[in-house]
Amino acid sequence: MQSAPYFEKLGSKGEPLVMLHGWGQNLESLKPMAQLLSVNHRLILIDLPGFGKSSPPAMVWDSFQYADQVKEVLQSLDIKSFSVLGHSFGGKVAMSLAVRYPEMINKLILLAPSGLKRKRNTQAWAKFYAIKYLGRLVKKFDKLFRANWFETAFIPRFGSADYKQAKEMRAVLVKSVNEDFTPHLAKIHAPTLLMWGEEDQETPVEMAKRLQNQIRNAKLALFQHKGHYLFQECGSHLCAYHIRSFLRGENG
């Protein structure tokens, strides 16, 4: 049985706002921004299963199974409706909540969420599939000859930083990377604020434009000179400003 995720609460008044961190992060990454928002809102920050102080999922979960676990946390707190903020992987979980439990979601705030397939040119696709095929060959070689080249040679050269650090969460990461959320976007009806750094290399800005076009009632705020972690350092104040305005209904 999956143990309950670790969570922390900040603030004691106002509408509940649930905050979900990105892949490889934990609730501490969002805490500076949360502290700014806690003056006006009751915040619930959750360590998603497999990160921070929460144990890994017992199975290879998709984003909807993560959403189900978040819902259980909120039910345990007797919270029936809330707004939700998610960064990167946490943004995809937030979108999953909005699709599966629309009656619970007041507003949706997405900071450079994952979930869309990256657009590649012909050369980039050829390189992608070549590396993918090579990885399969190396795994077959290891199995046949009882070797360990996939871990000792292939991963150090071709694996992403997230994959190298994922360890027991690798299968979940692979499933997440291959999960395309596009077919679900039209099912999101909650007012949505998209926040994006113009210099984001992990989830390029063109993904923001796709999301804005496919999620009804979606507003987009672009931040100059910011990357994928647009809320870090002074960015937390900028993000908090936009979030407060959005939750008050001033910009969407």
C-alpha atoms as a PDB file:
ATOM      1  CA  MET A   1       0.000   0.000   0.000  1.00  0.00           C
ATOM      2  CA  GLN A   2       1.317   3.434  -0.966  1.00  0.00           C
ATOM      3  CA  SER A   3       2.175   5.551   2.054  1.00  0.00           C
ATOM      4  CA  ALA A   4       0.742   9.065   2.194  1.00  0.00           C
ATOM      5  CA  PRO A   5       2.956  11.797   0.711  1.00  0.00           C
ATOM      6  CA  TYR A   6       4.687  14.268   2.985  1.00  0.00           C
ATOM      7  CA  PHE A   7       3.219  17.768   2.933  1.00  0.00           C
ATOM      8  CA  GLU A   8       3.504  21.097   4.718  1.00  0.00           C
ATOM      9  CA  LYS A   9       0.993  23.886   5.272  1.00  0.00           C
ATOM     10  CA  LEU A  10       1.630  27.628   5.240  1.00  0.00           C
ATOM     11  CA  GLY A  11      -0.815  30.424   5.963  1.00  0.00           C
ATOM     12  CA  SER A  12      -4.089  30.116   7.827  1.00  0.00           C
ATOM     13  CA  LYS A  13      -6.626  32.112   5.845  1.00  0.00           C
ATOM     14  CA  GLY A  14      -7.979  32.459   2.352  1.00  0.00           C
ATOM     15  CA  GLU A  15      -8.633  29.967  -0.423  1.00  0.00           C
ATOM     16  CA  PRO A  16      -6.507  26.788  -0.432  1.00  0.00           C
ATOM     17  CA  LEU A  17      -3.697  26.767  -2.992  1.00  0.00           C
ATOM     18  CA  VAL A  18      -1.922  23.465  -3.620  1.00  0.00           C
ATOM     19  CA  MET A  19       1.687  23.687  -4.874  1.00  0.00           C
ATOM     20  CA  LEU A  20       3.390  20.856  -6.779  1.00  0.00           C
ATOM     21  CA  HIS A  21       7.115  20.860  -7.545  1.00  0.00           C
ATOM     22  CA  GLY A  22       8.950  19.680 -10.656  1.00  0.00           C
ATOM     23  CA  TRP A  23      10.863  16.494 -11.405  1.00  0.00           C
ATOM     24  CA  GLY A  24      13.907  15.940  -9.200  1.00  0.00           C
ATOM     25  CA  GLN A  25      12.811  18.735  -6.860  1.00  0.00           C
ATOM     26  CA  ASN A  26      10.760  18.817  -3.646  1.00  0.00           C
ATOM     27  CA  LEU A  27       8.466  21.223  -1.842  1.00  0.00           C
ATOM     28  CA  GLU A  28      11.452  23.248  -0.598  1.00  0.00           C
ATOM     29  CA  SER A  29      12.019  24.525  -4.146  1.00  0.00           C
ATOM     30  CA  LEU A  30       8.657  26.332  -4.060  1.00  0.00           C
ATOM     31  CA  LYS A  31       8.774  27.468  -0.445  1.00  0.00           C
ATOM     32  CA  PRO A  32      10.232  30.993  -1.009  1.00  0.00           C
ATOM     33  CA  MET A  33       7.366  31.764  -3.379  1.00  0.00           C
ATOM     34  CA  ALA A  34       4.888  30.058  -1.050  1.00  0.00           C
ATOM     35  CA  GLN A  35       5.974  32.229   1.862  1.00  0.00           C
ATOM     36  CA  LEU A  36       5.149  35.316  -0.171  1.00  0.00           C
ATOM     37  CA  LEU A  37       1.699  33.953  -1.038  1.00  0.00           C
ATOM     38  CA  SER A  38       0.894  32.716   2.471  1.00  0.00           C
ATOM     39  CA  VAL A  39      -0.196  36.210   3.574  1.00  0.00           C
ATOM     40  CA  ASN A  40      -3.393  35.841   1.551  1.00  0.00           C
ATOM     41  CA  HIS A  41      -3.779  32.115   0.985  1.00  0.00           C
ATOM     42  CA  ARG A  42      -3.785  28.791   2.787  1.00  0.00           C
ATOM     43  CA  LEU A  43      -1.032  26.806   1.088  1.00  0.00           C
ATOM     44  CA  ILE A  44      -0.462  23.061   0.900  1.00  0.00           C
ATOM     45  CA  LEU A  45       2.971  22.085  -0.433  1.00  0.00           C
ATOM     46  CA  ILE A  46       3.362  18.402  -1.284  1.00  0.00           C
ATOM     47  CA  ASP A  47       6.425  16.239  -1.826  1.00  0.00           C
ATOM     48  CA  LEU A  48       5.232  14.148  -4.765  1.00  0.00           C
ATOM     49  CA  PRO A  49       5.854  10.391  -4.314  1.00  0.00           C
ATOM     50  CA  GLY A  50       9.488   9.549  -5.036  1.00  0.00           C
ATOM     51  CA  PHE A  51      10.793  13.008  -4.109  1.00  0.00           C
ATOM     52  CA  GLY A  52      11.739  14.807  -0.924  1.00  0.00           C
ATOM     53  CA  LYS A  53      10.349  13.016   2.115  1.00  0.00           C
ATOM     54  CA  SER A  54       7.753  10.969   0.202  1.00  0.00           C
ATOM     55  CA  SER A  55       8.396   7.325  -0.652  1.00  0.00           C
ATOM     56  CA  PRO A  56       8.463   6.225  -4.319  1.00  0.00           C
ATOM     57  CA  PRO A  57       5.272   4.851  -5.855  1.00  0.00           C
ATOM     58  CA  ALA A  58       4.864   1.078  -5.588  1.00  0.00           C
ATOM     59  CA  MET A  59       4.197   0.895  -9.350  1.00  0.00           C
ATOM     60  CA  VAL A  60       5.204   2.833 -12.455  1.00  0.00           C
ATOM     61  CA  TRP A  61       2.750   5.719 -12.238  1.00  0.00           C
ATOM     62  CA  ASP A  62       1.532   8.133 -14.866  1.00  0.00           C
ATOM     63  CA  SER A  63       0.514  11.724 -14.118  1.00  0.00           C
ATOM     64  CA  PHE A  64      -3.106  10.747 -13.407  1.00  0.00           C
ATOM     65  CA  GLN A  65      -2.043   8.310 -10.696  1.00  0.00           C
ATOM     66  CA  TYR A  66      -0.003  11.117  -9.132  1.00  0.00           C
ATOM     67  CA  ALA A  67      -3.122  13.309  -9.337  1.00  0.00           C
ATOM     68  CA  ASP A  68      -5.133  10.636  -7.522  1.00  0.00           C
ATOM     69  CA  GLN A  69      -2.562  10.649  -4.696  1.00  0.00           C
ATOM     70  CA  VAL A  70      -2.723  14.451  -4.406  1.00  0.00           C
ATOM     71  CA  LYS A  71      -6.519  14.239  -4.214  1.00  0.00           C
ATOM     72  CA  GLU A  72      -6.225  11.769  -1.319  1.00  0.00           C
ATOM     73  CA  VAL A  73      -4.017  14.214   0.595  1.00  0.00           C
ATOM     74  CA  LEU A  74      -6.599  16.957   0.155  1.00  0.00           C
ATOM     75  CA  GLN A  75      -9.451  14.677   1.164  1.00  0.00           C
ATOM     76  CA  SER A  76      -7.560  13.877   4.372  1.00  0.00           C
ATOM     77  CA  LEU A  77      -7.505  17.629   5.055  1.00  0.00           C
ATOM     78  CA  ASP A  78     -11.227  17.934   4.248  1.00  0.00           C
ATOM     79  CA  ILE A  79     -10.475  20.283   1.334  1.00  0.00           C
ATOM     80  CA  LYS A  80     -13.187  19.973  -1.314  1.00  0.00           C
ATOM     81  CA  SER A  81     -12.159  22.757  -3.698  1.00  0.00           C
ATOM     82  CA  PHE A  82      -8.878  24.523  -4.305  1.00  0.00           C
ATOM     83  CA  SER A  83      -6.601  26.193  -6.817  1.00  0.00           C
ATOM     84  CA  VAL A  84      -3.481  24.342  -7.857  1.00  0.00           C
ATOM     85  CA  LEU A  85      -0.040  25.483  -8.980  1.00  0.00           C
ATOM     86  CA  GLY A  86       2.457  23.149 -10.612  1.00  0.00           C
ATOM     87  CA  HIS A  87       5.946  23.575 -12.005  1.00  0.00           C
ATOM     88  CA  SER A  88       7.257  21.340 -14.814  1.00  0.00           C
ATOM     89  CA  PHE A  89       6.325  17.733 -13.912  1.00  0.00           C
ATOM     90  CA  GLY A  90       4.151  19.128 -11.122  1.00  0.00           C
ATOM     91  CA  GLY A  91       2.386  21.188 -13.783  1.00  0.00           C
ATOM     92  CA  LYS A  92       1.455  18.029 -15.655  1.00  0.00           C
ATOM     93  CA  VAL A  93       0.109  16.538 -12.423  1.00  0.00           C
ATOM     94  CA  ALA A  94      -1.864  19.755 -11.879  1.00  0.00           C
ATOM     95  CA  MET A  95      -3.354  19.461 -15.378  1.00  0.00           C
ATOM     96  CA  SER A  96      -4.249  15.833 -14.631  1.00  0.00           C
ATOM     97  CA  LEU A  97      -6.115  16.997 -11.535  1.00  0.00           C
ATOM     98  CA  ALA A  98      -8.015  19.559 -13.621  1.00  0.00           C
ATOM     99  CA  VAL A  99      -9.016  16.883 -16.145  1.00  0.00           C
ATOM    100  CA  ARG A 100      -9.946  14.110 -13.715  1.00  0.00           C
ATOM    101  CA  TYR A 101     -11.477  16.223 -10.913  1.00  0.00           C
ATOM    102  CA  PRO A 102     -12.763  19.416 -12.593  1.00  0.00           C
ATOM    103  CA  GLU A 103     -15.348  20.002  -9.868  1.00  0.00           C
ATOM    104  CA  MET A 104     -12.529  20.447  -7.315  1.00  0.00           C
ATOM    105  CA  ILE A 105     -10.353  22.904  -9.236  1.00  0.00           C
ATOM    106  CA  ASN A 106     -11.025  26.629  -8.938  1.00  0.00           C
ATOM    107  CA  LYS A 107      -8.034  27.932 -10.870  1.00  0.00           C
ATOM    108  CA  LEU A 108      -4.974  26.388 -12.506  1.00  0.00           C
ATOM    109  CA  ILE A 109      -1.494  27.961 -12.435  1.00  0.00           C
ATOM    110  CA  LEU A 110       1.132  26.300 -14.626  1.00  0.00           C
ATOM    111  CA  LEU A 111       4.808  27.241 -14.466  1.00  0.00           C
ATOM    112  CA  ALA A 112       6.488  25.800 -17.576  1.00  0.00           C
ATOM    113  CA  PRO A 113       4.605  22.479 -17.302  1.00  0.00           C
ATOM    114  CA  SER A 114       5.823  19.347 -19.030  1.00  0.00           C
ATOM    115  CA  GLY A 115       3.470  17.100 -21.001  1.00  0.00           C
ATOM    116  CA  LEU A 116       3.918  18.151 -24.623  1.00  0.00           C
ATOM    117  CA  LYS A 117       6.183  16.490 -27.143  1.00  0.00           C
ATOM    118  CA  ARG A 118       9.140  18.625 -28.140  1.00  0.00           C
ATOM    119  CA  LYS A 119       9.159  19.728 -31.777  1.00  0.00           C
ATOM    120  CA  ARG A 120      12.283  18.543 -33.617  1.00  0.00           C
ATOM    121  CA  ASN A 121      13.623  18.957 -37.130  1.00  0.00           C
ATOM    122  CA  THR A 122      14.564  15.954 -39.269  1.00  0.00           C
ATOM    123  CA  GLN A 123      18.172  15.923 -38.069  1.00  0.00           C
ATOM    124  CA  ALA A 124      17.156  16.084 -34.409  1.00  0.00           C
ATOM    125  CA  TRP A 125      14.631  13.254 -34.840  1.00  0.00           C
ATOM    126  CA  ALA A 126      17.261  11.109 -36.579  1.00  0.00           C
ATOM    127  CA  LYS A 127      19.671  11.655 -33.669  1.00  0.00           C
ATOM    128  CA  PHE A 128      16.921  10.911 -31.131  1.00  0.00           C
ATOM    129  CA  TYR A 129      15.975   7.587 -32.696  1.00  0.00           C
ATOM    130  CA  ALA A 130      19.601   6.613 -33.282  1.00  0.00           C
ATOM    131  CA  ILE A 131      20.372   7.033 -29.567  1.00  0.00           C
ATOM    132  CA  LYS A 132      17.165   5.221 -28.602  1.00  0.00           C
ATOM    133  CA  TYR A 133      17.999   2.263 -30.895  1.00  0.00           C
ATOM    134  CA  LEU A 134      21.602   2.182 -29.671  1.00  0.00           C
ATOM    135  CA  GLY A 135      20.359   2.009 -26.074  1.00  0.00           C
ATOM    136  CA  ARG A 136      18.229  -1.019 -26.895  1.00  0.00           C
ATOM    137  CA  LEU A 137      21.186  -2.739 -28.557  1.00  0.00           C
ATOM    138  CA  VAL A 138      23.428  -2.091 -25.544  1.00  0.00           C
ATOM    139  CA  LYS A 139      20.770  -3.500 -23.182  1.00  0.00           C
ATOM    140  CA  LYS A 140      20.505  -6.655 -25.313  1.00  0.00           C
ATOM    141  CA  PHE A 141      24.303  -6.980 -25.345  1.00  0.00           C
ATOM    142  CA  ASP A 142      24.423  -6.650 -21.548  1.00  0.00           C
ATOM    143  CA  LYS A 143      21.751  -9.300 -21.118  1.00  0.00           C
ATOM    144  CA  LEU A 144      23.413 -11.696 -23.540  1.00  0.00           C
ATOM    145  CA  PHE A 145      26.956 -11.342 -22.201  1.00  0.00           C
ATOM    146  CA  ARG A 146      26.129 -10.413 -18.581  1.00  0.00           C
ATOM    147  CA  ALA A 147      27.839  -7.074 -19.018  1.00  0.00           C
ATOM    148  CA  ASN A 148      26.996  -3.618 -17.636  1.00  0.00           C
ATOM    149  CA  TRP A 149      27.795  -1.297 -20.515  1.00  0.00           C
ATOM    150  CA  PHE A 150      24.399   0.422 -20.406  1.00  0.00           C
ATOM    151  CA  GLU A 151      25.112   1.815 -16.932  1.00  0.00           C
ATOM    152  CA  THR A 152      28.861   2.325 -17.236  1.00  0.00           C
ATOM    153  CA  ALA A 153      29.150   3.635 -20.802  1.00  0.00           C
ATOM    154  CA  PHE A 154      25.826   4.460 -22.442  1.00  0.00           C
ATOM    155  CA  ILE A 155      24.151   6.402 -19.602  1.00  0.00           C
ATOM    156  CA  PRO A 156      27.180   8.596 -18.745  1.00  0.00           C
ATOM    157  CA  ARG A 157      27.418   9.675 -22.396  1.00  0.00           C
ATOM    158  CA  PHE A 158      23.823   9.822 -23.605  1.00  0.00           C
ATOM    159  CA  GLY A 159      21.594   9.917 -20.500  1.00  0.00           C
ATOM    160  CA  SER A 160      19.932  13.160 -19.454  1.00  0.00           C
ATOM    161  CA  ALA A 161      20.722  14.687 -16.067  1.00  0.00           C
ATOM    162  CA  ASP A 162      17.281  13.627 -14.819  1.00  0.00           C
ATOM    163  CA  TYR A 163      17.813  10.047 -15.993  1.00  0.00           C
ATOM    164  CA  LYS A 164      21.231   9.812 -14.360  1.00  0.00           C
ATOM    165  CA  GLN A 165      19.820  10.962 -11.023  1.00  0.00           C
ATOM    166  CA  ALA A 166      16.489   9.084 -11.181  1.00  0.00           C
ATOM    167  CA  LYS A 167      17.761   5.705  -9.859  1.00  0.00           C
ATOM    168  CA  GLU A 168      14.675   3.774  -8.655  1.00  0.00           C
ATOM    169  CA  MET A 169      12.442   6.370 -10.344  1.00  0.00           C
ATOM    170  CA  ARG A 170      13.821   5.783 -13.857  1.00  0.00           C
ATOM    171  CA  ALA A 171      10.832   3.775 -15.072  1.00  0.00           C
ATOM    172  CA  VAL A 172       8.485   6.524 -13.859  1.00  0.00           C
ATOM    173  CA  LEU A 173      10.636   9.141 -15.610  1.00  0.00           C
ATOM    174  CA  VAL A 174      10.601   7.227 -18.899  1.00  0.00           C
ATOM    175  CA  LYS A 175       6.826   6.869 -18.693  1.00  0.00           C
ATOM    176  CA  SER A 176       6.470  10.573 -17.929  1.00  0.00           C
ATOM    177  CA  VAL A 177       8.689  11.636 -20.822  1.00  0.00           C
ATOM    178  CA  ASN A 178       6.673   9.469 -23.229  1.00  0.00           C
ATOM    179  CA  GLU A 179       3.334  10.732 -21.920  1.00  0.00           C
ATOM    180  CA  ASP A 180       1.762  13.222 -24.330  1.00  0.00           C
ATOM    181  CA  PHE A 181      -0.897  15.330 -22.618  1.00  0.00           C
ATOM    182  CA  THR A 182      -2.130  16.971 -25.835  1.00  0.00           C
ATOM    183  CA  PRO A 183      -5.343  14.886 -26.192  1.00  0.00           C
ATOM    184  CA  HIS A 184      -6.461  15.971 -22.710  1.00  0.00           C
ATOM    185  CA  LEU A 185      -5.969  19.743 -23.036  1.00  0.00           C
ATOM    186  CA  ALA A 186      -9.464  20.470 -24.367  1.00  0.00           C
ATOM    187  CA  LYS A 187     -10.898  18.890 -21.205  1.00  0.00           C
ATOM    188  CA  ILE A 188      -9.392  21.617 -19.004  1.00  0.00           C
ATOM    189  CA  HIS A 189     -12.091  24.172 -18.191  1.00  0.00           C
ATOM    190  CA  ALA A 190     -10.638  25.900 -15.134  1.00  0.00           C
ATOM    191  CA  PRO A 191      -9.326  29.450 -15.661  1.00  0.00           C
ATOM    192  CA  THR A 192      -5.622  28.930 -16.338  1.00  0.00           C
ATOM    193  CA  LEU A 193      -2.522  31.083 -15.949  1.00  0.00           C
ATOM    194  CA  LEU A 194       0.569  29.980 -17.879  1.00  0.00           C
ATOM    195  CA  MET A 195       3.884  31.404 -16.656  1.00  0.00           C
ATOM    196  CA  TRP A 196       7.033  30.922 -18.720  1.00  0.00           C
ATOM    197  CA  GLY A 197      10.632  32.055 -18.934  1.00  0.00           C
ATOM    198  CA  GLU A 198      11.524  33.266 -22.423  1.00  0.00           C
ATOM    199  CA  GLU A 199      14.922  31.558 -22.156  1.00  0.00           C
ATOM    200  CA  ASP A 200      13.521  28.168 -21.081  1.00  0.00           C
ATOM    201  CA  GLN A 201      15.495  25.394 -22.801  1.00  0.00           C
ATOM    202  CA  GLU A 202      13.765  22.416 -21.138  1.00  0.00           C
ATOM    203  CA  THR A 203      10.221  23.357 -22.119  1.00  0.00           C
ATOM    204  CA  PRO A 204      10.650  25.896 -24.951  1.00  0.00           C
ATOM    205  CA  VAL A 205       8.304  28.869 -25.259  1.00  0.00           C
ATOM    206  CA  GLU A 206       6.634  27.362 -28.337  1.00  0.00           C
ATOM    207  CA  MET A 207       5.063  24.849 -25.924  1.00  0.00           C
ATOM    208  CA  ALA A 208       3.522  27.769 -24.035  1.00  0.00           C
ATOM    209  CA  LYS A 209       1.891  28.998 -27.237  1.00  0.00           C
ATOM    210  CA  ARG A 210       0.491  25.523 -27.949  1.00  0.00           C
ATOM    211  CA  LEU A 211      -0.965  25.290 -24.457  1.00  0.00           C
ATOM    212  CA  GLN A 212      -2.460  28.765 -24.691  1.00  0.00           C
ATOM    213  CA  ASN A 213      -4.162  27.845 -27.963  1.00  0.00           C
ATOM    214  CA  GLN A 214      -5.556  24.533 -26.716  1.00  0.00           C
ATOM    215  CA  ILE A 215      -6.647  25.367 -23.147  1.00  0.00           C
ATOM    216  CA  ARG A 216      -9.718  27.566 -23.120  1.00  0.00           C
ATOM    217  CA  ASN A 217      -9.545  30.592 -20.814  1.00  0.00           C
ATOM    218  CA  ALA A 218      -5.737  30.352 -20.681  1.00  0.00           C
ATOM    219  CA  LYS A 219      -3.647  33.487 -20.137  1.00  0.00           C
ATOM    220  CA  LEU A 220       0.108  33.589 -20.766  1.00  0.00           C
ATOM    221  CA  ALA A 221       2.711  35.611 -18.862  1.00  0.00           C
ATOM    222  CA  LEU A 222       6.218  35.552 -20.375  1.00  0.00           C
ATOM    223  CA  PHE A 223       9.224  36.553 -18.260  1.00  0.00           C
ATOM    224  CA  GLN A 224      12.292  38.033 -19.905  1.00  0.00           C
ATOM    225  CA  HIS A 225      15.745  36.703 -18.956  1.00  0.00           C
ATOM    226  CA  LYS A 226      14.197  33.727 -17.125  1.00  0.00           C
ATOM    227  CA  GLY A 227      14.702  30.024 -17.794  1.00  0.00           C
ATOM    228  CA  HIS A 228      12.900  26.874 -16.705  1.00  0.00           C
ATOM    229  CA  TYR A 229      13.160  27.750 -12.978  1.00  0.00           C
ATOM    230  CA  LEU A 230      11.590  31.157 -13.427  1.00  0.00           C
ATOM    231  CA  PHE A 231      10.528  31.348  -9.760  1.00  0.00           C
ATOM    232  CA  GLN A 232      14.033  31.188  -8.291  1.00  0.00           C
ATOM    233  CA  GLU A 233      15.662  34.108  -6.464  1.00  0.00           C
ATOM    234  CA  CYS A 234      14.027  37.440  -7.392  1.00  0.00           C
ATOM    235  CA  GLY A 235      11.726  35.539  -9.762  1.00  0.00           C
ATOM    236  CA  SER A 236       9.700  34.384  -6.752  1.00  0.00           C
ATOM    237  CA  HIS A 237       8.480  37.948  -6.168  1.00  0.00           C
ATOM    238  CA  LEU A 238       7.568  38.385  -9.837  1.00  0.00           C
ATOM    239  CA  CYS A 239       5.704  35.071  -9.914  1.00  0.00           C
ATOM    240  CA  ALA A 240       3.915  35.827  -6.649  1.00  0.00           C
ATOM    241  CA  TYR A 241       2.736  39.181  -8.036  1.00  0.00           C
ATOM    242  CA  HIS A 242       1.150  37.555 -11.107  1.00  0.00           C
ATOM    243  CA  ILE A 243      -0.323  34.699  -9.062  1.00  0.00           C
ATOM    244  CA  ARG A 244      -1.968  37.051  -6.563  1.00  0.00           C
ATOM    245  CA  SER A 245      -3.500  39.110  -9.382  1.00  0.00           C
ATOM    246  CA  PHE A 246      -4.751  35.985 -11.137  1.00  0.00           C
ATOM    247  CA  LEU A 247      -6.326  34.506  -8.013  1.00  0.00           C
ATOM    248  CA  ARG A 248      -8.060  37.827  -7.340  1.00  0.00           C
ATOM    249  CA  GLY A 249      -9.447  37.744 -10.879  1.00  0.00           C
ATOM    250  CA  GLU A 250      -7.511  40.792 -12.067  1.00  0.00           C
ATOM    251  CA  ASN A 251      -5.848  39.120 -15.064  1.00  0.00           C
ATOM    252  CA  GLY A 252      -8.061  36.198 -15.891  1.00  0.00           C
END
